[in-house]
């Protein structure tokens, strides 16, 4: 049984589903699907900060405050991820 103090974090790539452009490299915690991205965990941001794909212009997230922290709430079907191994 794993300790709750140990955080399972890995870096994943988040891509646009429309044109396959790389949007973020993100430190994901936990084993669940990608629902939101906390801004402080974004390692590299390839967008212009407007939550739209820099290549095709499609909006992929909305800015929200969740538990007092700024997060990008992902719009389902607008992105796909690489690096999320499920066990």
PDB file of N, CA and C in Angstrom:
ATOM      1  N   UNK A   1       0.842  -1.181   0.000  1.00  0.00           N
ATOM      2  CA  UNK A   1       0.000   0.000   0.000  1.00  0.00           C
ATOM      3  C   UNK A   1       0.881   1.235   0.000  1.00  0.00           C
ATOM      4  N   UNK A   2       0.654   2.147  -0.926  1.00  0.00           N
ATOM      5  CA  UNK A   2       1.481   3.336  -1.072  1.00  0.00           C
ATOM      6  C   UNK A   2       1.111   4.376  -0.016  1.00  0.00           C
ATOM      7  N   UNK A   3       2.103   5.128   0.383  1.00  0.00           N
ATOM      8  CA  UNK A   3       1.896   6.189   1.346  1.00  0.00           C
ATOM      9  C   UNK A   3       1.219   7.374   0.675  1.00  0.00           C
ATOM     10  N   UNK A   4       0.325   8.045   1.369  1.00  0.00           N
ATOM     11  CA  UNK A   4      -0.342   9.217   0.804  1.00  0.00           C
ATOM     12  C   UNK A   4       0.607  10.399   0.707  1.00  0.00           C
ATOM     13  N   UNK A   5       1.715  10.384   1.484  1.00  0.00           N
ATOM     14  CA  UNK A   5       2.681  11.481   1.434  1.00  0.00           C
ATOM     15  C   UNK A   5       3.466  11.464   0.127  1.00  0.00           C
ATOM     16  N   UNK A   6       3.652  10.292  -0.438  1.00  0.00           N
ATOM     17  CA  UNK A   6       4.402  10.177  -1.691  1.00  0.00           C
ATOM     18  C   UNK A   6       3.506  10.608  -2.853  1.00  0.00           C
ATOM     19  N   UNK A   7       3.943  11.593  -3.604  1.00  0.00           N
ATOM     20  CA  UNK A   7       3.141  12.118  -4.708  1.00  0.00           C
ATOM     21  C   UNK A   7       3.640  11.497  -6.003  1.00  0.00           C
ATOM     22  N   UNK A   8       2.705  10.919  -6.756  1.00  0.00           N
ATOM     23  CA  UNK A   8       3.026  10.320  -8.049  1.00  0.00           C
ATOM     24  C   UNK A   8       2.964  11.415  -9.104  1.00  0.00           C
ATOM     25  N   UNK A   9       4.132  11.978  -9.489  1.00  0.00           N
ATOM     26  CA  UNK A   9       4.183  13.044 -10.479  1.00  0.00           C
ATOM     27  C   UNK A   9       5.039  12.621 -11.641  1.00  0.00           C
ATOM     28  N   UNK A  10       4.558  12.955 -12.829  1.00  0.00           N
ATOM     29  CA  UNK A  10       5.326  12.698 -14.036  1.00  0.00           C
ATOM     30  C   UNK A  10       5.048  13.837 -15.007  1.00  0.00           C
ATOM     31  N   UNK A  11       5.941  14.063 -15.927  1.00  0.00           N
ATOM     32  CA  UNK A  11       5.753  15.111 -16.913  1.00  0.00           C
ATOM     33  C   UNK A  11       5.073  14.519 -18.132  1.00  0.00           C
ATOM     34  N   UNK A  12       3.959  15.140 -18.531  1.00  0.00           N
ATOM     35  CA  UNK A  12       3.223  14.686 -19.703  1.00  0.00           C
ATOM     36  C   UNK A  12       3.223  15.803 -20.744  1.00  0.00           C
ATOM     37  N   UNK A  13       2.942  15.441 -21.981  1.00  0.00           N
ATOM     38  CA  UNK A  13       2.801  16.411 -23.062  1.00  0.00           C
ATOM     39  C   UNK A  13       1.320  16.534 -23.386  1.00  0.00           C
ATOM     40  N   UNK A  14       0.856  17.766 -23.540  1.00  0.00           N
ATOM     41  CA  UNK A  14      -0.536  18.033 -23.883  1.00  0.00           C
ATOM     42  C   UNK A  14      -0.550  18.638 -25.277  1.00  0.00           C
ATOM     43  N   UNK A  15      -1.295  17.989 -26.193  1.00  0.00           N
ATOM     44  CA  UNK A  15      -1.333  18.389 -27.595  1.00  0.00           C
ATOM     45  C   UNK A  15      -2.744  18.799 -28.004  1.00  0.00           C
ATOM     46  N   UNK A  16      -2.851  19.660 -29.018  1.00  0.00           N
ATOM     47  CA  UNK A  16      -4.123  20.049 -29.599  1.00  0.00           C
ATOM     48  C   UNK A  16      -4.690  18.860 -30.370  1.00  0.00           C
ATOM     49  N   UNK A  17      -5.967  18.565 -30.179  1.00  0.00           N
ATOM     50  CA  UNK A  17      -6.594  17.447 -30.882  1.00  0.00           C
ATOM     51  C   UNK A  17      -6.860  17.782 -32.345  1.00  0.00           C
ATOM     52  N   UNK A  18      -6.978  19.058 -32.661  1.00  0.00           N
ATOM     53  CA  UNK A  18      -7.277  19.459 -34.026  1.00  0.00           C
ATOM     54  C   UNK A  18      -6.074  19.394 -34.957  1.00  0.00           C
ATOM     55  N   UNK A  19      -4.948  19.981 -34.521  1.00  0.00           N
ATOM     56  CA  UNK A  19      -3.789  20.067 -35.415  1.00  0.00           C
ATOM     57  C   UNK A  19      -2.556  19.362 -34.850  1.00  0.00           C
ATOM     58  N   UNK A  20      -2.669  18.767 -33.682  1.00  0.00           N
ATOM     59  CA  UNK A  20      -1.601  18.001 -33.038  1.00  0.00           C
ATOM     60  C   UNK A  20      -0.399  18.834 -32.578  1.00  0.00           C
ATOM     61  N   UNK A  21      -0.570  20.137 -32.443  1.00  0.00           N
ATOM     62  CA  UNK A  21       0.511  21.009 -31.966  1.00  0.00           C
ATOM     63  C   UNK A  21       0.734  20.787 -30.471  1.00  0.00           C
ATOM     64  N   UNK A  22       1.975  20.871 -30.031  1.00  0.00           N
ATOM     65  CA  UNK A  22       2.311  20.737 -28.615  1.00  0.00           C
ATOM     66  C   UNK A  22       1.918  22.025 -27.898  1.00  0.00           C
ATOM     67  N   UNK A  23       1.075  21.898 -26.860  1.00  0.00           N
ATOM     68  CA  UNK A  23       0.601  23.051 -26.113  1.00  0.00           C
ATOM     69  C   UNK A  23       1.375  23.255 -24.820  1.00  0.00           C
ATOM     70  N   UNK A  24       1.484  22.203 -24.000  1.00  0.00           N
ATOM     71  CA  UNK A  24       2.132  22.274 -22.691  1.00  0.00           C
ATOM     72  C   UNK A  24       2.982  21.036 -22.452  1.00  0.00           C
ATOM     73  N   UNK A  25       3.949  21.192 -21.584  1.00  0.00           N
ATOM     74  CA  UNK A  25       4.543  20.092 -20.840  1.00  0.00           C
ATOM     75  C   UNK A  25       4.131  20.371 -19.402  1.00  0.00           C
ATOM     76  N   UNK A  26       3.552  19.360 -18.750  1.00  0.00           N
ATOM     77  CA  UNK A  26       2.867  19.552 -17.468  1.00  0.00           C
ATOM     78  C   UNK A  26       3.238  18.458 -16.488  1.00  0.00           C
ATOM     79  N   UNK A  27       3.457  18.832 -15.222  1.00  0.00           N
ATOM     80  CA  UNK A  27       3.732  17.863 -14.153  1.00  0.00           C
ATOM     81  C   UNK A  27       2.407  17.382 -13.593  1.00  0.00           C
ATOM     82  N   UNK A  28       1.985  16.205 -14.009  1.00  0.00           N
ATOM     83  CA  UNK A  28       0.700  15.639 -13.613  1.00  0.00           C
ATOM     84  C   UNK A  28       0.856  14.871 -12.320  1.00  0.00           C
ATOM     85  N   UNK A  29      -0.077  15.059 -11.416  1.00  0.00           N
ATOM     86  CA  UNK A  29      -0.114  14.306 -10.172  1.00  0.00           C
ATOM     87  C   UNK A  29      -1.307  13.368 -10.187  1.00  0.00           C
ATOM     88  N   UNK A  30      -1.169  12.217  -9.588  1.00  0.00           N
ATOM     89  CA  UNK A  30      -2.275  11.273  -9.514  1.00  0.00           C
ATOM     90  C   UNK A  30      -2.398  10.410 -10.751  1.00  0.00           C
ATOM     91  N   UNK A  31      -3.389   9.517 -10.710  1.00  0.00           N
ATOM     92  CA  UNK A  31      -3.552   8.540 -11.789  1.00  0.00           C
ATOM     93  C   UNK A  31      -4.771   8.803 -12.662  1.00  0.00           C
ATOM     94  N   UNK A  32      -5.580   9.768 -12.319  1.00  0.00           N
ATOM     95  CA  UNK A  32      -6.812  10.028 -13.062  1.00  0.00           C
ATOM     96  C   UNK A  32      -6.556  10.704 -14.394  1.00  0.00           C
ATOM     97  N   UNK A  33      -7.631  10.918 -15.124  1.00  0.00           N
ATOM     98  CA  UNK A  33      -7.543  11.603 -16.406  1.00  0.00           C
ATOM     99  C   UNK A  33      -7.238  13.084 -16.226  1.00  0.00           C
ATOM    100  N   UNK A  34      -6.910  13.734 -17.324  1.00  0.00           N
ATOM    101  CA  UNK A  34      -6.580  15.152 -17.291  1.00  0.00           C
ATOM    102  C   UNK A  34      -7.872  15.963 -17.358  1.00  0.00           C
ATOM    103  N   UNK A  35      -8.171  16.689 -16.283  1.00  0.00           N
ATOM    104  CA  UNK A  35      -9.363  17.515 -16.203  1.00  0.00           C
ATOM    105  C   UNK A  35      -8.976  18.984 -16.127  1.00  0.00           C
ATOM    106  N   UNK A  36      -7.918  19.265 -15.372  1.00  0.00           N
ATOM    107  CA  UNK A  36      -7.471  20.639 -15.174  1.00  0.00           C
ATOM    108  C   UNK A  36      -5.951  20.672 -15.076  1.00  0.00           C
ATOM    109  N   UNK A  37      -5.377  21.819 -15.394  1.00  0.00           N
ATOM    110  CA  UNK A  37      -3.933  22.034 -15.269  1.00  0.00           C
ATOM    111  C   UNK A  37      -3.718  23.211 -14.339  1.00  0.00           C
ATOM    112  N   UNK A  38      -3.082  22.979 -13.197  1.00  0.00           N
ATOM    113  CA  UNK A  38      -2.733  24.084 -12.321  1.00  0.00           C
ATOM    114  C   UNK A  38      -1.560  24.832 -12.941  1.00  0.00           C
ATOM    115  N   UNK A  39      -1.646  26.160 -12.959  1.00  0.00           N
ATOM    116  CA  UNK A  39      -0.670  26.989 -13.661  1.00  0.00           C
ATOM    117  C   UNK A  39       0.737  26.786 -13.111  1.00  0.00           C
ATOM    118  N   UNK A  40       0.876  26.603 -11.802  1.00  0.00           N
ATOM    119  CA  UNK A  40       2.223  26.461 -11.222  1.00  0.00           C
ATOM    120  C   UNK A  40       2.896  25.140 -11.598  1.00  0.00           C
ATOM    121  N   UNK A  41       2.144  24.162 -12.127  1.00  0.00           N
ATOM    122  CA  UNK A  41       2.727  22.882 -12.536  1.00  0.00           C
ATOM    123  C   UNK A  41       3.097  22.824 -14.017  1.00  0.00           C
ATOM    124  N   UNK A  42       2.793  23.872 -14.780  1.00  0.00           N
ATOM    125  CA  UNK A  42       3.144  23.891 -16.201  1.00  0.00           C
ATOM    126  C   UNK A  42       4.646  24.124 -16.318  1.00  0.00           C
ATOM    127  N   UNK A  43       5.345  23.165 -16.934  1.00  0.00           N
ATOM    128  CA  UNK A  43       6.800  23.239 -17.074  1.00  0.00           C
ATOM    129  C   UNK A  43       7.168  24.109 -18.267  1.00  0.00           C
ATOM    130  N   UNK A  44       6.546  23.841 -19.422  1.00  0.00           N
ATOM    131  CA  UNK A  44       6.774  24.627 -20.629  1.00  0.00           C
ATOM    132  C   UNK A  44       5.429  24.974 -21.240  1.00  0.00           C
ATOM    133  N   UNK A  45       5.250  26.235 -21.623  1.00  0.00           N
ATOM    134  CA  UNK A  45       4.009  26.698 -22.234  1.00  0.00           C
ATOM    135  C   UNK A  45       4.317  27.170 -23.648  1.00  0.00           C
ATOM    136  N   UNK A  46       3.773  26.473 -24.654  1.00  0.00           N
ATOM    137  CA  UNK A  46       4.019  26.817 -26.043  1.00  0.00           C
ATOM    138  C   UNK A  46       2.904  27.671 -26.632  1.00  0.00           C
ATOM    139  N   UNK A  47       1.870  27.993 -25.833  1.00  0.00           N
ATOM    140  CA  UNK A  47       0.784  28.850 -26.294  1.00  0.00           C
ATOM    141  C   UNK A  47       1.161  30.297 -26.018  1.00  0.00           C
ATOM    142  N   UNK A  48       0.290  31.205 -26.412  1.00  0.00           N
ATOM    143  CA  UNK A  48       0.528  32.631 -26.158  1.00  0.00           C
ATOM    144  C   UNK A  48      -0.148  33.077 -24.869  1.00  0.00           C
ATOM    145  N   UNK A  49      -0.583  32.138 -24.057  1.00  0.00           N
ATOM    146  CA  UNK A  49      -1.210  32.447 -22.783  1.00  0.00           C
ATOM    147  C   UNK A  49      -2.688  32.768 -22.864  1.00  0.00           C
ATOM    148  N   UNK A  50      -3.292  32.642 -24.053  1.00  0.00           N
ATOM    149  CA  UNK A  50      -4.707  32.972 -24.204  1.00  0.00           C
ATOM    150  C   UNK A  50      -5.605  31.734 -24.224  1.00  0.00           C
ATOM    151  N   UNK A  51      -5.071  30.569 -23.882  1.00  0.00           N
ATOM    152  CA  UNK A  51      -5.792  29.305 -23.814  1.00  0.00           C
ATOM    153  C   UNK A  51      -6.352  28.879 -25.168  1.00  0.00           C
ATOM    154  N   UNK A  52      -5.645  29.268 -26.219  1.00  0.00           N
ATOM    155  CA  UNK A  52      -5.970  28.839 -27.581  1.00  0.00           C
ATOM    156  C   UNK A  52      -4.720  28.238 -28.196  1.00  0.00           C
ATOM    157  N   UNK A  53      -4.930  27.300 -29.108  1.00  0.00           N
ATOM    158  CA  UNK A  53      -3.808  26.684 -29.804  1.00  0.00           C
ATOM    159  C   UNK A  53      -3.079  27.739 -30.623  1.00  0.00           C
ATOM    160  N   UNK A  54      -1.761  27.745 -30.550  1.00  0.00           N
ATOM    161  CA  UNK A  54      -0.970  28.742 -31.275  1.00  0.00           C
ATOM    162  C   UNK A  54      -0.930  28.475 -32.774  1.00  0.00           C
ATOM    163  N   UNK A  55      -1.294  27.268 -33.184  1.00  0.00           N
ATOM    164  CA  UNK A  55      -1.263  26.935 -34.609  1.00  0.00           C
ATOM    165  C   UNK A  55      -2.626  27.101 -35.282  1.00  0.00           C
ATOM    166  N   UNK A  56      -3.688  26.503 -34.704  1.00  0.00           N
ATOM    167  CA  UNK A  56      -5.005  26.545 -35.368  1.00  0.00           C
ATOM    168  C   UNK A  56      -5.997  27.506 -34.713  1.00  0.00           C
ATOM    169  N   UNK A  57      -5.693  28.019 -33.532  1.00  0.00           N
ATOM    170  CA  UNK A  57      -6.555  28.998 -32.879  1.00  0.00           C
ATOM    171  C   UNK A  57      -7.725  28.432 -32.103  1.00  0.00           C
ATOM    172  N   UNK A  58      -7.826  27.105 -31.982  1.00  0.00           N
ATOM    173  CA  UNK A  58      -8.926  26.475 -31.259  1.00  0.00           C
ATOM    174  C   UNK A  58      -8.768  26.670 -29.747  1.00  0.00           C
ATOM    175  N   UNK A  59      -9.825  27.090 -29.069  1.00  0.00           N
ATOM    176  CA  UNK A  59      -9.805  27.212 -27.608  1.00  0.00           C
ATOM    177  C   UNK A  59      -9.808  25.811 -27.002  1.00  0.00           C
ATOM    178  N   UNK A  60      -8.913  25.550 -26.051  1.00  0.00           N
ATOM    179  CA  UNK A  60      -8.815  24.211 -25.462  1.00  0.00           C
ATOM    180  C   UNK A  60      -9.058  24.192 -23.958  1.00  0.00           C
ATOM    181  N   UNK A  61      -9.145  25.363 -23.308  1.00  0.00           N
ATOM    182  CA  UNK A  61      -9.337  25.408 -21.860  1.00  0.00           C
ATOM    183  C   UNK A  61      -9.973  26.736 -21.458  1.00  0.00           C
ATOM    184  N   UNK A  62     -10.456  26.765 -20.207  1.00  0.00           N
ATOM    185  CA  UNK A  62     -10.991  27.986 -19.612  1.00  0.00           C
ATOM    186  C   UNK A  62     -10.291  28.218 -18.288  1.00  0.00           C
ATOM    187  N   UNK A  63     -10.049  29.467 -17.952  1.00  0.00           N
ATOM    188  CA  UNK A  63      -9.366  29.776 -16.703  1.00  0.00           C
ATOM    189  C   UNK A  63     -10.360  29.756 -15.550  1.00  0.00           C
ATOM    190  N   UNK A  64      -9.998  29.076 -14.480  1.00  0.00           N
ATOM    191  CA  UNK A  64     -10.829  28.961 -13.285  1.00  0.00           C
ATOM    192  C   UNK A  64      -9.937  29.075 -12.045  1.00  0.00           C
ATOM    193  N   UNK A  65     -10.549  29.398 -10.916  1.00  0.00           N
ATOM    194  CA  UNK A  65      -9.867  29.363  -9.621  1.00  0.00           C
ATOM    195  C   UNK A  65     -10.440  28.167  -8.886  1.00  0.00           C
ATOM    196  N   UNK A  66      -9.584  27.191  -8.590  1.00  0.00           N
ATOM    197  CA  UNK A  66      -9.992  25.965  -7.919  1.00  0.00           C
ATOM    198  C   UNK A  66      -9.200  25.839  -6.629  1.00  0.00           C
ATOM    199  N   UNK A  67      -9.874  25.812  -5.521  1.00  0.00           N
ATOM    200  CA  UNK A  67      -9.263  25.744  -4.187  1.00  0.00           C
ATOM    201  C   UNK A  67      -8.251  26.868  -3.980  1.00  0.00           C
ATOM    202  N   UNK A  68      -8.571  28.048  -4.497  1.00  0.00           N
ATOM    203  CA  UNK A  68      -7.705  29.207  -4.308  1.00  0.00           C
ATOM    204  C   UNK A  68      -6.498  29.248  -5.234  1.00  0.00           C
ATOM    205  N   UNK A  69      -6.419  28.336  -6.181  1.00  0.00           N
ATOM    206  CA  UNK A  69      -5.289  28.275  -7.118  1.00  0.00           C
ATOM    207  C   UNK A  69      -5.802  28.437  -8.543  1.00  0.00           C
ATOM    208  N   UNK A  70      -5.060  29.169  -9.358  1.00  0.00           N
ATOM    209  CA  UNK A  70      -5.454  29.381 -10.754  1.00  0.00           C
ATOM    210  C   UNK A  70      -5.200  28.100 -11.535  1.00  0.00           C
ATOM    211  N   UNK A  71      -6.210  27.683 -12.302  1.00  0.00           N
ATOM    212  CA  UNK A  71      -6.111  26.447 -13.077  1.00  0.00           C
ATOM    213  C   UNK A  71      -6.708  26.673 -14.457  1.00  0.00           C
ATOM    214  N   UNK A  72      -6.275  25.862 -15.414  1.00  0.00           N
ATOM    215  CA  UNK A  72      -6.855  25.839 -16.746  1.00  0.00           C
ATOM    216  C   UNK A  72      -7.737  24.602 -16.822  1.00  0.00           C
ATOM    217  N   UNK A  73      -9.043  24.806 -16.890  1.00  0.00           N
ATOM    218  CA  UNK A  73     -10.004  23.705 -16.969  1.00  0.00           C
ATOM    219  C   UNK A  73     -10.084  23.261 -18.422  1.00  0.00           C
ATOM    220  N   UNK A  74      -9.718  22.028 -18.698  1.00  0.00           N
ATOM    221  CA  UNK A  74      -9.623  21.502 -20.059  1.00  0.00           C
ATOM    222  C   UNK A  74     -11.016  21.236 -20.628  1.00  0.00           C
ATOM    223  N   UNK A  75     -11.247  21.648 -21.883  1.00  0.00           N
ATOM    224  CA  UNK A  75     -12.487  21.353 -22.591  1.00  0.00           C
ATOM    225  C   UNK A  75     -12.334  19.960 -23.191  1.00  0.00           C
ATOM    226  N   UNK A  76     -13.235  19.053 -22.819  1.00  0.00           N
ATOM    227  CA  UNK A  76     -13.140  17.665 -23.250  1.00  0.00           C
ATOM    228  C   UNK A  76     -13.131  17.544 -24.769  1.00  0.00           C
ATOM    229  N   UNK A  77     -12.232  16.723 -25.282  1.00  0.00           N
ATOM    230  CA  UNK A  77     -12.146  16.464 -26.705  1.00  0.00           C
ATOM    231  C   UNK A  77     -11.261  17.433 -27.465  1.00  0.00           C
ATOM    232  N   UNK A  78     -10.758  18.470 -26.811  1.00  0.00           N
ATOM    233  CA  UNK A  78      -9.936  19.469 -27.493  1.00  0.00           C
ATOM    234  C   UNK A  78      -8.444  19.171 -27.399  1.00  0.00           C
ATOM    235  N   UNK A  79      -8.051  18.305 -26.476  1.00  0.00           N
ATOM    236  CA  UNK A  79      -6.633  17.957 -26.318  1.00  0.00           C
ATOM    237  C   UNK A  79      -6.475  16.448 -26.204  1.00  0.00           C
ATOM    238  N   UNK A  80      -5.254  15.990 -26.449  1.00  0.00           N
ATOM    239  CA  UNK A  80      -4.885  14.616 -26.116  1.00  0.00           C
ATOM    240  C   UNK A  80      -3.523  14.672 -25.437  1.00  0.00           C
ATOM    241  N   UNK A  81      -3.196  13.628 -24.706  1.00  0.00           N
ATOM    242  CA  UNK A  81      -1.976  13.632 -23.908  1.00  0.00           C
ATOM    243  C   UNK A  81      -1.058  12.496 -24.313  1.00  0.00           C
ATOM    244  N   UNK A  82       0.211  12.701 -24.017  1.00  0.00           N
ATOM    245  CA  UNK A  82       1.216  11.646 -24.178  1.00  0.00           C
ATOM    246  C   UNK A  82       2.002  11.581 -22.869  1.00  0.00           C
ATOM    247  N   UNK A  83       2.305  10.360 -22.454  1.00  0.00           N
ATOM    248  CA  UNK A  83       3.087  10.180 -21.237  1.00  0.00           C
ATOM    249  C   UNK A  83       2.266   9.788 -20.034  1.00  0.00           C
ATOM    250  N   UNK A  84       0.976   9.564 -20.226  1.00  0.00           N
ATOM    251  CA  UNK A  84       0.122   9.151 -19.115  1.00  0.00           C
ATOM    252  C   UNK A  84      -0.039   7.650 -19.141  1.00  0.00           C
ATOM    253  N   UNK A  85       0.853   6.956 -18.471  1.00  0.00           N
ATOM    254  CA  UNK A  85       0.728   5.494 -18.414  1.00  0.00           C
ATOM    255  C   UNK A  85      -0.248   5.126 -17.322  1.00  0.00           C
ATOM    256  N   UNK A  86      -1.156   4.236 -17.638  1.00  0.00           N
ATOM    257  CA  UNK A  86      -2.144   3.783 -16.651  1.00  0.00           C
ATOM    258  C   UNK A  86      -1.834   2.358 -16.277  1.00  0.00           C
ATOM    259  N   UNK A  87      -1.986   2.061 -14.993  1.00  0.00           N
ATOM    260  CA  UNK A  87      -1.675   0.728 -14.508  1.00  0.00           C
ATOM    261  C   UNK A  87      -2.895   0.052 -13.975  1.00  0.00           C
TER     262      UNK A  87
END
